[in-house]
């Protein structure tokens, strides 16, 4: 399966930038989730890769093939990109059976394919199976009911699955009625001779393809019924719907319909599979089950998956890489645990994680020992110690240089012909500080920020209740779920969310003491919103 490369991809409508200068490399066999809030540009990105939307500018490469390049005027249509698309709406034909729904797209394929002698190929396969009639007899005998009556339909399906053959070949095999004790050695020999004679007469290779001058002969043709059936049976086994082939969509559950839609998408063997929130129509329990199925499907098919969702739990549990987008701009592209544990900025930290991260505003400076002395939570004194060597002065210098470079690049771009100023301006993320008495942010004046202003990011699992904890708090709310409880702790006018594992019961108003544990507390620059470092926090 190919890698996908996006270079300076932009999509805008007038001065609204749905996707703004996106650079992305999706590795072969990756499972990438495009994650972000509604309207961030994730579906637009997916549609541009698939060929359903035309970028304003940039370049898209799938494997070694350029499918879009604004400078060179290349734009390969969607049906020529060999990609599969799974929508939120399953779009199954209600008047067609499951088998017909899966086979429908295959019957419309007409392209250059190897020329195959199917008669010789099928004869050889039958001859091979008939060489062990005892095994065929065992398989068929398993399809008798309690009264000893043979279920022909069940026997044919069993033969299809056991030998990975089409229904047409399975019917021929069943017609020998080996279960009755017939000797089929002569038939097996005759079929084998026919296949060998065809190979010798036509110069066929081991796959029974015609060969001329050392090369496989190709012809523009449609798939045969045999090839279509083999493909349908192959994908039905992968998604476990072989038993539903004669049913209609109305006779299936939501999860079963989803499996049919996946099978239909996989049948043409797309190089990449795109999915646009395919589980959003399912209930919570079924969504969880289908996540496991998609994980298994990714491993079994070896395909590259690109998956759009606004559900960060889906992104965290399914992806090998998360591409987090906001306002059309890439915020972070990393493995799920890195996005969670080392977010690039305040937006990423806030968007990923359930329960949400705690943000604590703090003010302070770095001392001679490298620790940063802070005042937070209404006057409490704390020290932040970075897990890695940190020089705040240099960090701020680099930050300012990067801001100046971005501004210079923007001024240079504005001079170019055709430049359109971005209407949906990028702003520093406005994080939320949870308080007992919430204030209307619209009425507050914007503070004057300096290099002494920080924001601490504390994940709920970092709140550790301890009898001798450094911080005193009060239980403001508690939600036990069995194996854990989510609590709200009041510290002065501030509220912190914590997760306590175990079946402890908490009472509203109960006084507790706690620490903020671990060395993965996040220190953010309040002015620009970037993550400065991870470290420990001591109050």
Protein backbone atom coordinates (compact mmCIF):
# COMPACT_ATOMS: atom_id res chain seq x y z
CA UNK A 1 0.00 0.00 0.00
CA UNK A 2 1.31 3.48 -0.85
CA UNK A 3 2.27 6.41 1.31
CA UNK A 4 0.35 9.68 0.86
CA UNK A 5 2.12 13.02 0.70
CA UNK A 6 0.47 16.45 0.92
CA UNK A 7 2.60 19.48 0.12
CA UNK A 8 1.38 23.04 0.79
CA UNK A 9 -2.26 22.05 0.32
CA UNK A 10 -4.64 24.98 0.60
CA UNK A 11 -8.39 25.09 0.08
CA UNK A 12 -10.27 28.37 0.34
CA UNK A 13 -13.59 29.82 -0.62
CA UNK A 14 -13.05 33.54 -1.23
CA UNK A 15 -11.16 34.59 1.93
CA UNK A 16 -12.23 31.64 4.08
CA UNK A 17 -9.39 29.11 4.39
CA UNK A 18 -10.83 25.65 5.08
CA UNK A 19 -7.31 24.18 4.87
CA UNK A 20 -4.29 26.44 5.17
CA UNK A 21 -0.88 25.35 3.80
CA UNK A 22 -1.09 21.74 5.02
CA UNK A 23 2.00 19.52 4.80
CA UNK A 24 1.46 15.90 5.75
CA UNK A 25 3.10 12.51 5.16
CA UNK A 26 0.93 9.44 5.75
CA UNK A 27 3.10 6.34 5.91
CA UNK A 28 2.36 3.07 4.16
CA UNK A 29 -0.03 0.87 6.22
CA UNK A 30 -0.70 3.68 8.72
CA UNK A 31 -4.04 4.25 10.45
CA UNK A 32 -4.30 8.05 10.55
CA UNK A 33 -7.19 9.89 12.14
CA UNK A 34 -7.97 13.44 11.07
CA UNK A 35 -9.24 14.93 14.32
CA UNK A 36 -10.64 18.30 15.24
CA UNK A 37 -13.79 20.28 16.06
CA UNK A 38 -16.62 20.74 13.57
CA UNK A 39 -15.62 22.99 10.69
CA UNK A 40 -11.86 22.63 11.26
CA UNK A 41 -11.12 21.26 7.75
CA UNK A 42 -10.67 17.54 8.42
CA UNK A 43 -13.38 16.30 6.02
CA UNK A 44 -12.23 18.79 3.37
CA UNK A 45 -8.71 17.36 3.70
CA UNK A 46 -10.02 13.82 3.29
CA UNK A 47 -12.10 14.76 0.25
CA UNK A 48 -9.14 16.48 -1.41
CA UNK A 49 -6.95 13.37 -1.04
CA UNK A 50 -9.75 11.19 -2.40
CA UNK A 51 -10.37 13.49 -5.37
CA UNK A 52 -13.88 14.54 -4.34
CA UNK A 53 -12.75 18.13 -3.71
CA UNK A 54 -10.26 20.18 -5.72
CA UNK A 55 -7.60 22.06 -3.70
CA UNK A 56 -6.93 25.72 -4.42
CA UNK A 57 -3.21 25.03 -4.53
CA UNK A 58 -0.59 22.47 -3.59
CA UNK A 59 0.43 18.94 -4.52
CA UNK A 60 -0.88 15.48 -3.53
CA UNK A 61 1.03 12.25 -4.20
CA UNK A 62 -0.33 8.73 -3.60
CA UNK A 63 2.48 6.20 -3.82
CA UNK A 64 4.69 7.19 -6.75
CA UNK A 65 1.82 8.87 -8.60
CA UNK A 66 1.04 12.59 -8.47
CA UNK A 67 -2.76 12.84 -8.35
CA UNK A 68 -2.96 16.63 -7.96
CA UNK A 69 -0.57 19.46 -8.70
CA UNK A 70 -1.85 23.00 -9.10
CA UNK A 71 1.37 24.21 -10.74
CA UNK A 72 1.42 21.43 -13.37
CA UNK A 73 -2.34 21.31 -13.91
CA UNK A 74 -2.65 17.66 -12.80
CA UNK A 75 -5.95 16.51 -11.27
CA UNK A 76 -6.65 12.77 -11.48
CA UNK A 77 -10.41 12.11 -10.97
CA UNK A 78 -11.57 10.18 -7.91
CA UNK A 79 -12.50 7.02 -9.82
CA UNK A 80 -8.94 6.76 -11.19
CA UNK A 81 -7.15 7.11 -7.84
CA UNK A 82 -7.95 3.53 -6.69
CA UNK A 83 -9.15 4.62 -3.27
CA UNK A 84 -12.15 3.45 -1.25
CA UNK A 85 -14.53 5.78 0.55
CA UNK A 86 -16.77 4.86 3.48
CA UNK A 87 -19.34 7.52 4.36
CA UNK A 88 -21.38 8.24 7.47
CA UNK A 89 -24.41 7.15 5.43
CA UNK A 90 -24.00 3.50 4.41
CA UNK A 91 -25.89 4.11 1.12
CA UNK A 92 -26.90 0.47 0.64
CA UNK A 93 -29.38 -0.38 -2.11
CA UNK A 94 -32.55 -1.49 -0.26
CA UNK A 95 -33.77 -3.61 -3.21
CA UNK A 96 -30.50 -5.58 -3.44
CA UNK A 97 -29.27 -8.41 -1.26
CA UNK A 98 -26.04 -8.12 0.69
CA UNK A 99 -24.27 -10.08 -2.04
CA UNK A 100 -25.63 -7.79 -4.78
CA UNK A 101 -24.70 -4.64 -2.83
CA UNK A 102 -21.09 -5.78 -2.47
CA UNK A 103 -20.87 -6.97 -6.07
CA UNK A 104 -22.50 -3.88 -7.60
CA UNK A 105 -19.36 -1.76 -7.84
CA UNK A 106 -17.27 -4.67 -9.09
CA UNK A 107 -19.60 -5.26 -12.02
CA UNK A 108 -18.93 -1.71 -13.27
CA UNK A 109 -15.13 -2.02 -13.31
CA UNK A 110 -13.67 -2.03 -16.81
CA UNK A 111 -9.91 -1.58 -17.09
CA UNK A 112 -6.71 -3.20 -18.30
CA UNK A 113 -6.23 -6.56 -16.56
CA UNK A 114 -4.25 -9.76 -17.20
CA UNK A 115 -5.84 -12.13 -19.71
CA UNK A 116 -6.62 -15.35 -17.79
CA UNK A 117 -7.71 -18.81 -18.95
CA UNK A 118 -10.36 -19.30 -16.27
CA UNK A 119 -11.45 -22.72 -17.51
CA UNK A 120 -7.94 -24.12 -17.07
CA UNK A 121 -7.56 -22.38 -13.72
CA UNK A 122 -10.82 -23.80 -12.37
CA UNK A 123 -10.10 -27.29 -13.74
CA UNK A 124 -6.74 -27.31 -11.98
CA UNK A 125 -8.29 -26.18 -8.69
CA UNK A 126 -11.02 -28.82 -8.87
CA UNK A 127 -8.49 -31.53 -9.70
CA UNK A 128 -6.42 -30.49 -6.68
CA UNK A 129 -9.42 -30.66 -4.31
CA UNK A 130 -10.66 -33.99 -5.71
CA UNK A 131 -7.32 -35.62 -4.93
CA UNK A 132 -8.45 -35.73 -1.28
CA UNK A 133 -12.10 -36.83 -1.50
CA UNK A 134 -12.20 -37.90 2.15
CA UNK A 135 -11.78 -34.28 3.26
CA UNK A 136 -14.55 -33.13 0.89
CA UNK A 137 -16.81 -35.84 2.25
CA UNK A 138 -16.12 -34.78 5.85
CA UNK A 139 -16.98 -31.14 5.07
CA UNK A 140 -20.24 -32.05 3.32
CA UNK A 141 -21.28 -34.57 5.99
CA UNK A 142 -21.08 -31.81 8.62
CA UNK A 143 -24.01 -30.12 6.87
CA UNK A 144 -26.64 -32.76 7.70
CA UNK A 145 -29.44 -31.92 10.12
CA UNK A 146 -30.47 -34.07 13.11
CA UNK A 147 -32.61 -36.27 10.84
CA UNK A 148 -29.67 -36.88 8.52
CA UNK A 149 -30.97 -34.71 5.68
CA UNK A 150 -28.24 -32.89 3.75
CA UNK A 151 -28.55 -29.08 3.56
CA UNK A 152 -27.22 -28.36 0.05
CA UNK A 153 -27.03 -24.59 0.50
CA UNK A 154 -25.08 -24.91 3.76
CA UNK A 155 -22.77 -27.49 2.17
CA UNK A 156 -21.92 -25.19 -0.74
CA UNK A 157 -21.19 -22.27 1.62
CA UNK A 158 -19.00 -24.57 3.72
CA UNK A 159 -17.05 -25.65 0.63
CA UNK A 160 -16.64 -22.00 -0.44
CA UNK A 161 -15.16 -21.06 2.95
CA UNK A 162 -13.00 -24.17 3.42
CA UNK A 163 -11.37 -24.06 -0.02
CA UNK A 164 -11.60 -20.30 -0.76
CA UNK A 165 -13.38 -20.93 -4.05
CA UNK A 166 -16.27 -19.25 -5.85
CA UNK A 167 -19.84 -20.44 -5.54
CA UNK A 168 -19.70 -21.66 -9.15
CA UNK A 169 -16.70 -23.91 -8.47
CA UNK A 170 -18.28 -25.03 -5.18
CA UNK A 171 -21.48 -26.08 -7.00
CA UNK A 172 -19.43 -28.13 -9.49
CA UNK A 173 -17.61 -29.77 -6.60
CA UNK A 174 -20.83 -30.57 -4.76
CA UNK A 175 -22.32 -32.06 -7.95
CA UNK A 176 -19.84 -34.99 -7.71
CA UNK A 177 -21.73 -36.10 -4.54
CA UNK A 178 -18.59 -37.47 -2.94
CA UNK A 179 -20.55 -37.92 0.29
CA UNK A 180 -22.27 -40.88 -1.40
CA UNK A 181 -18.92 -42.67 -1.66
CA UNK A 182 -18.29 -42.11 -5.37
CA UNK A 183 -14.81 -42.74 -6.76
CA UNK A 184 -13.71 -39.48 -8.41
CA UNK A 185 -10.08 -40.38 -9.19
CA UNK A 186 -10.79 -40.59 -12.94
CA UNK A 187 -12.53 -37.21 -12.94
CA UNK A 188 -9.63 -35.65 -10.99
CA UNK A 189 -7.11 -37.03 -13.49
CA UNK A 190 -9.18 -35.82 -16.48
CA UNK A 191 -9.50 -32.29 -15.04
CA UNK A 192 -5.77 -32.15 -14.27
CA UNK A 193 -4.92 -33.26 -17.84
CA UNK A 194 -7.25 -30.60 -19.32
CA UNK A 195 -5.55 -27.90 -17.26
CA UNK A 196 -2.04 -29.11 -18.18
CA UNK A 197 -2.93 -29.30 -21.88
CA UNK A 198 -4.27 -25.73 -21.79
CA UNK A 199 -1.06 -24.51 -20.13
CA UNK A 200 1.10 -26.22 -22.76
CA UNK A 201 -1.03 -25.10 -25.72
CA UNK A 202 -1.40 -21.45 -24.69
CA UNK A 203 1.84 -20.75 -22.84
CA UNK A 204 0.15 -19.94 -19.53
CA UNK A 205 2.09 -19.04 -16.39
CA UNK A 206 1.50 -20.44 -12.87
CA UNK A 207 -1.50 -18.11 -12.45
CA UNK A 208 -2.96 -19.33 -15.79
CA UNK A 209 -2.35 -15.91 -17.35
CA UNK A 210 -1.44 -15.67 -21.03
CA UNK A 211 2.22 -14.78 -21.59
CA UNK A 212 3.79 -13.39 -24.76
CA UNK A 213 7.47 -12.50 -25.21
CA UNK A 214 8.02 -13.03 -21.47
CA UNK A 215 5.31 -10.56 -20.45
CA UNK A 216 1.78 -11.14 -19.13
CA UNK A 217 -0.80 -10.23 -21.80
CA UNK A 218 -3.27 -7.58 -20.66
CA UNK A 219 -6.65 -6.64 -22.10
CA UNK A 220 -9.32 -4.07 -21.29
CA UNK A 221 -12.16 -6.11 -19.87
CA UNK A 222 -14.71 -6.40 -17.11
CA UNK A 223 -14.40 -8.78 -14.19
CA UNK A 224 -15.91 -12.20 -14.81
CA UNK A 225 -18.67 -13.58 -12.56
CA UNK A 226 -16.06 -15.93 -11.13
CA UNK A 227 -13.72 -13.05 -10.19
CA UNK A 228 -16.57 -10.98 -8.76
CA UNK A 229 -17.76 -13.90 -6.66
CA UNK A 230 -14.26 -14.60 -5.32
CA UNK A 231 -13.89 -10.93 -4.32
CA UNK A 232 -17.31 -10.81 -2.67
CA UNK A 233 -16.61 -14.02 -0.73
CA UNK A 234 -13.14 -12.78 0.27
CA UNK A 235 -14.36 -9.50 1.83
CA UNK A 236 -17.42 -11.13 3.39
CA UNK A 237 -15.06 -13.45 5.29
CA UNK A 238 -12.93 -10.52 6.42
CA UNK A 239 -15.89 -8.60 7.92
CA UNK A 240 -17.71 -11.77 9.04
CA UNK A 241 -20.98 -11.44 7.09
CA UNK A 242 -20.83 -14.65 5.01
CA UNK A 243 -24.07 -15.86 6.60
CA UNK A 244 -26.04 -12.75 5.54
CA UNK A 245 -25.40 -12.83 1.77
CA UNK A 246 -29.05 -13.48 0.82
CA UNK A 247 -30.55 -10.92 3.22
CA UNK A 248 -31.67 -7.38 2.38
CA UNK A 249 -30.37 -4.29 4.24
CA UNK A 250 -33.67 -3.83 6.09
CA UNK A 251 -33.17 -7.27 7.63
CA UNK A 252 -29.82 -6.29 9.16
CA UNK A 253 -28.83 -4.40 12.31
CA UNK A 254 -26.92 -1.13 12.13
CA UNK A 255 -23.62 -2.87 12.83
CA UNK A 256 -24.28 -5.49 10.17
CA UNK A 257 -25.14 -2.78 7.62
CA UNK A 258 -21.88 -1.07 8.49
CA UNK A 259 -20.00 -4.31 7.82
CA UNK A 260 -21.70 -4.59 4.41
CA UNK A 261 -20.64 -1.01 3.57
CA UNK A 262 -17.05 -1.82 4.61
CA UNK A 263 -17.08 -5.02 2.52
CA UNK A 264 -18.36 -3.12 -0.53
CA UNK A 265 -15.55 -0.57 -0.11
CA UNK A 266 -12.88 -3.28 0.29
CA UNK A 267 -14.05 -5.43 -2.63
CA UNK A 268 -12.24 -3.48 -5.42
CA UNK A 269 -9.02 -3.68 -3.35
CA UNK A 270 -8.43 0.08 -3.01
CA UNK A 271 -4.89 1.27 -2.34
CA UNK A 272 -6.18 3.53 0.47
CA UNK A 273 -9.39 3.40 2.50
CA UNK A 274 -10.96 6.72 3.51
CA UNK A 275 -13.61 6.82 6.25
CA UNK A 276 -15.68 9.88 7.14
CA UNK A 277 -17.18 9.37 10.63
CA UNK A 278 -18.51 5.90 9.71
CA UNK A 279 -19.54 4.96 13.26
CA UNK A 280 -21.52 8.07 14.19
CA UNK A 281 -24.89 6.45 13.40
CA UNK A 282 -24.33 3.57 15.84
CA UNK A 283 -25.17 3.41 19.54
CA UNK A 284 -22.37 3.68 22.11
CA UNK A 285 -21.96 -0.06 22.75
CA UNK A 286 -21.95 -0.94 19.05
CA UNK A 287 -19.47 1.86 18.30
CA UNK A 288 -17.05 0.31 20.78
CA UNK A 289 -17.42 -3.12 19.15
CA UNK A 290 -16.89 -1.66 15.67
CA UNK A 291 -13.69 0.08 16.83
CA UNK A 292 -12.26 -3.34 17.62
CA UNK A 293 -13.41 -4.57 14.21
CA UNK A 294 -11.73 -1.65 12.42
CA UNK A 295 -8.49 -2.32 14.31
CA UNK A 296 -8.59 -5.96 13.25
CA UNK A 297 -9.54 -5.01 9.68
CA UNK A 298 -6.55 -2.67 9.43
CA UNK A 299 -4.15 -5.43 10.47
CA UNK A 300 -5.73 -8.13 8.27
CA UNK A 301 -5.95 -6.05 5.08
CA UNK A 302 -2.59 -4.28 5.46
CA UNK A 303 -4.24 -1.19 3.95
CA UNK A 304 -3.61 2.48 4.66
CA UNK A 305 -6.59 3.91 6.57
CA UNK A 306 -7.41 7.63 6.78
CA UNK A 307 -10.26 8.23 9.23
CA UNK A 308 -12.15 11.45 9.98
CA UNK A 309 -13.68 11.95 13.41
CA UNK A 310 -14.42 14.68 15.95
CA UNK A 311 -14.50 12.05 18.72
CA UNK A 312 -11.10 12.15 20.42
CA UNK A 313 -11.70 8.75 22.07
CA UNK A 314 -12.09 7.15 18.62
CA UNK A 315 -8.92 8.88 17.46
CA UNK A 316 -6.93 7.80 20.52
CA UNK A 317 -8.04 4.16 20.39
CA UNK A 318 -7.84 3.53 16.64
CA UNK A 319 -4.97 5.55 15.21
CA UNK A 320 -1.29 4.90 14.76
CA UNK A 321 -0.99 8.66 14.09
CA UNK A 322 -3.32 11.55 14.96
CA UNK A 323 -3.50 14.60 12.72
CA UNK A 324 -5.12 17.31 14.85
CA UNK A 325 -6.46 20.31 12.91
CA UNK A 326 -8.01 23.59 14.03
CA UNK A 327 -9.20 26.45 11.81
CA UNK A 328 -7.65 24.69 8.80
CA UNK A 329 -4.17 24.64 10.39
CA UNK A 330 -2.28 21.52 11.48
CA UNK A 331 -1.74 21.67 15.24
CA UNK A 332 0.04 18.36 15.82
CA UNK A 333 0.80 15.14 13.93
CA UNK A 334 2.03 12.43 16.27
CA UNK A 335 1.28 9.05 17.83
CA UNK A 336 -1.82 9.15 20.12
CA UNK A 337 0.05 8.84 23.41
CA UNK A 338 2.46 11.62 22.43
CA UNK A 339 -0.44 13.91 21.48
CA UNK A 340 -1.95 13.18 24.90
CA UNK A 341 1.25 13.31 26.95
CA UNK A 342 3.23 16.02 25.12
CA UNK A 343 0.77 18.36 23.35
CA UNK A 344 2.24 21.12 21.21
CA UNK A 345 -0.05 23.82 22.55
CA UNK A 346 -3.03 24.68 24.74
CA UNK A 347 -5.58 23.72 22.06
CA UNK A 348 -4.18 20.20 21.65
CA UNK A 349 -4.00 19.70 25.43
CA UNK A 350 -7.61 20.81 25.84
CA UNK A 351 -9.05 18.85 22.89
CA UNK A 352 -7.51 15.47 23.73
CA UNK A 353 -8.37 13.81 27.02
CA UNK A 354 -11.53 12.77 28.86
CA UNK A 355 -12.09 14.10 31.48
CA UNK A 356 -10.57 17.32 30.20
CA UNK A 357 -7.24 18.64 31.37
CA UNK A 358 -7.04 21.18 34.23
CA UNK A 359 -5.57 24.55 33.29
CA UNK A 360 -4.04 26.62 36.10
CA UNK A 361 -2.81 30.15 35.49
CA UNK A 362 0.49 30.93 37.21
CA UNK A 363 3.02 33.73 37.47
CA UNK A 364 6.72 33.39 38.19
CA UNK A 365 10.32 33.22 37.03
CA UNK A 366 13.23 30.82 36.80
CA UNK A 367 15.73 30.63 39.63
CA UNK A 368 19.45 29.87 39.65
CA UNK A 369 18.77 26.18 40.30
CA UNK A 370 16.70 25.92 37.10
CA UNK A 371 13.39 25.52 38.95
CA UNK A 372 10.60 27.96 38.16
CA UNK A 373 9.02 29.55 41.22
CA UNK A 374 5.29 30.11 40.66
CA UNK A 375 2.26 31.63 42.34
CA UNK A 376 -0.99 29.86 41.42
CA UNK A 377 -4.49 28.93 42.64
CA UNK A 378 -5.13 32.19 44.42
CA UNK A 379 -1.73 32.69 46.06
CA UNK A 380 -0.33 29.20 46.65
CA UNK A 381 3.43 28.92 46.15
CA UNK A 382 4.81 26.18 43.89
CA UNK A 383 7.96 25.13 42.07
CA UNK A 384 8.02 23.62 38.59
CA UNK A 385 11.04 21.47 37.78
CA UNK A 386 11.50 20.62 34.12
CA UNK A 387 12.18 16.97 33.29
CA UNK A 388 14.79 18.15 30.76
CA UNK A 389 17.33 21.02 30.89
CA UNK A 390 15.49 24.31 30.33
CA UNK A 391 16.69 27.89 29.87
CA UNK A 392 13.60 30.06 29.85
CA UNK A 393 15.43 33.11 28.52
CA UNK A 394 16.62 31.21 25.43
CA UNK A 395 13.18 29.65 24.97
CA UNK A 396 11.52 33.09 24.88
CA UNK A 397 14.19 34.39 22.47
CA UNK A 398 13.55 31.48 20.11
CA UNK A 399 9.79 32.01 20.42
CA UNK A 400 10.06 35.68 19.46
CA UNK A 401 12.36 34.85 16.54
CA UNK A 402 9.86 32.28 15.24
CA UNK A 403 7.01 34.83 15.51
CA UNK A 404 9.07 37.40 13.58
CA UNK A 405 9.93 34.82 10.90
CA UNK A 406 6.25 33.89 10.46
CA UNK A 407 5.30 37.57 10.17
CA UNK A 408 8.03 38.14 7.56
CA UNK A 409 6.88 35.09 5.58
CA UNK A 410 3.30 36.39 5.66
CA UNK A 411 4.39 39.82 4.41
CA UNK A 412 6.32 38.16 1.59
CA UNK A 413 3.34 35.99 0.66
CA UNK A 414 1.10 39.08 0.59
CA UNK A 415 3.26 40.49 -2.21
CA UNK A 416 2.60 37.47 -4.44
CA UNK A 417 0.06 37.65 -7.25
CA UNK A 418 -3.29 36.16 -6.32
CA UNK A 419 -2.72 36.34 -2.57
CA UNK A 420 -5.92 36.48 -0.54
CA UNK A 421 -5.79 37.53 3.10
CA UNK A 422 -7.20 34.93 5.47
CA UNK A 423 -10.59 35.97 6.77
CA UNK A 424 -10.82 33.36 9.53
CA UNK A 425 -7.84 34.67 11.48
CA UNK A 426 -5.72 32.36 13.63
CA UNK A 427 -5.80 33.25 17.31
CA UNK A 428 -4.21 31.93 20.49
CA UNK A 429 -6.57 29.34 21.98
CA UNK A 430 -8.82 30.70 24.72
CA UNK A 431 -8.58 28.05 27.42
CA UNK A 432 -11.10 27.72 30.23
CA UNK A 433 -10.27 28.07 33.91
CA UNK A 434 -12.90 26.22 35.97
CA UNK A 435 -14.16 28.28 38.90
CA UNK A 436 -16.92 28.02 41.49
CA UNK A 437 -18.35 31.31 40.32
CA UNK A 438 -17.91 31.64 36.56
CA UNK A 439 -17.32 35.11 35.13
CA UNK A 440 -18.45 36.39 31.76
CA UNK A 441 -15.23 36.45 29.72
CA UNK A 442 -16.71 39.00 27.31
CA UNK A 443 -16.83 41.57 30.14
CA UNK A 444 -13.23 41.03 31.17
CA UNK A 445 -10.43 43.20 29.88
CA UNK A 446 -7.60 41.42 28.07
CA UNK A 447 -4.63 41.17 30.47
CA UNK A 448 -1.21 42.54 29.58
CA UNK A 449 0.95 39.42 29.37
CA UNK A 450 4.68 39.18 30.04
CA UNK A 451 7.25 36.40 30.03
CA UNK A 452 6.32 35.72 33.67
CA UNK A 453 2.82 34.51 32.74
CA UNK A 454 2.33 30.76 32.39
CA UNK A 455 -0.41 28.15 32.23
CA UNK A 456 0.00 24.77 33.91
CA UNK A 457 -1.66 21.71 32.37
CA UNK A 458 -2.59 19.01 34.89
CA UNK A 459 -4.26 15.81 33.69
CA UNK A 460 -7.01 14.50 36.04
CA UNK A 461 -5.00 11.35 36.84
CA UNK A 462 -2.21 13.56 38.27
CA UNK A 463 -4.46 14.55 41.21
CA UNK A 464 -3.34 12.22 44.02
CA UNK A 465 -5.27 12.25 47.27
CA UNK A 466 -2.96 11.79 50.27
CA UNK A 467 -3.49 12.39 54.01
CA UNK A 468 -0.35 14.54 54.14
CA UNK A 469 -0.86 16.20 50.76
CA UNK A 470 0.52 19.70 50.25
CA UNK A 471 -2.75 21.19 48.99
CA UNK A 472 -5.97 21.43 50.95
CA UNK A 473 -9.24 21.07 49.07
CA UNK A 474 -12.91 20.28 49.37
CA UNK A 475 -14.97 17.71 47.42
CA UNK A 476 -17.26 19.82 45.23
CA UNK A 477 -18.69 16.91 43.21
CA UNK A 478 -18.13 13.16 42.77
CA UNK A 479 -19.24 10.67 40.11
CA UNK A 480 -18.39 7.05 40.94
CA UNK A 481 -18.48 4.62 37.99
CA UNK A 482 -17.36 1.41 39.71
CA UNK A 483 -13.67 1.00 39.02
CA UNK A 484 -12.99 4.76 39.33
CA UNK A 485 -14.52 8.05 40.44
CA UNK A 486 -14.32 11.41 38.75
CA UNK A 487 -14.19 14.17 41.34
CA UNK A 488 -14.29 17.96 41.40
CA UNK A 489 -12.02 19.46 44.04
CA UNK A 490 -12.47 23.04 45.21
CA UNK A 491 -9.32 25.01 46.04
CA UNK A 492 -10.32 28.54 46.98
CA UNK A 493 -12.42 29.78 44.05
CA UNK A 494 -10.92 27.27 41.64
CA UNK A 495 -12.14 23.80 40.62
CA UNK A 496 -9.86 20.92 39.63
CA UNK A 497 -11.01 17.64 38.08
CA UNK A 498 -9.42 14.43 39.32
CA UNK A 499 -9.74 10.71 38.63
CA UNK A 500 -9.42 8.37 41.61
CA UNK A 501 -9.14 4.66 40.88
CA UNK A 502 -11.00 2.24 43.14
CA UNK A 503 -14.46 2.21 44.70
CA UNK A 504 -13.95 4.98 47.26
CA UNK A 505 -17.06 6.99 48.10
CA UNK A 506 -16.71 10.75 48.48
CA UNK A 507 -19.12 13.14 50.22
CA UNK A 508 -19.86 16.62 48.95
CA UNK A 509 -18.14 19.13 51.25
CA UNK A 510 -15.61 16.60 52.53
CA UNK A 511 -12.18 18.09 53.26
CA UNK A 512 -9.22 16.36 51.61
CA UNK A 513 -5.52 16.90 51.01
CA UNK A 514 -3.81 16.09 47.73
CA UNK A 515 -0.66 16.42 45.66
CA UNK A 516 -0.10 16.87 41.94
CA UNK A 517 2.06 13.84 41.15
CA UNK A 518 4.31 12.70 38.33
CA UNK A 519 6.79 14.41 36.04
CA UNK A 520 4.45 15.07 33.11
CA UNK A 521 2.78 18.27 34.28
CA UNK A 522 2.78 20.68 31.32
CA UNK A 523 4.11 24.22 31.39
CA UNK A 524 2.65 26.48 28.68
CA UNK A 525 3.58 29.97 27.56
CA UNK A 526 0.43 31.96 28.29
CA UNK A 527 1.23 34.57 25.66
CA UNK A 528 1.62 32.26 22.66
CA UNK A 529 0.00 29.08 23.94
CA UNK A 530 2.99 26.82 23.13
CA UNK A 531 4.13 24.01 25.42
CA UNK A 532 7.46 24.91 27.03
CA UNK A 533 8.29 21.75 28.97
CA UNK A 534 7.06 18.78 30.98
CA UNK A 535 8.04 18.40 34.59
CA UNK A 536 7.01 18.00 38.23
CA UNK A 537 5.07 20.46 40.36
CA UNK A 538 5.65 20.90 44.10
CA UNK A 539 3.37 23.07 46.26
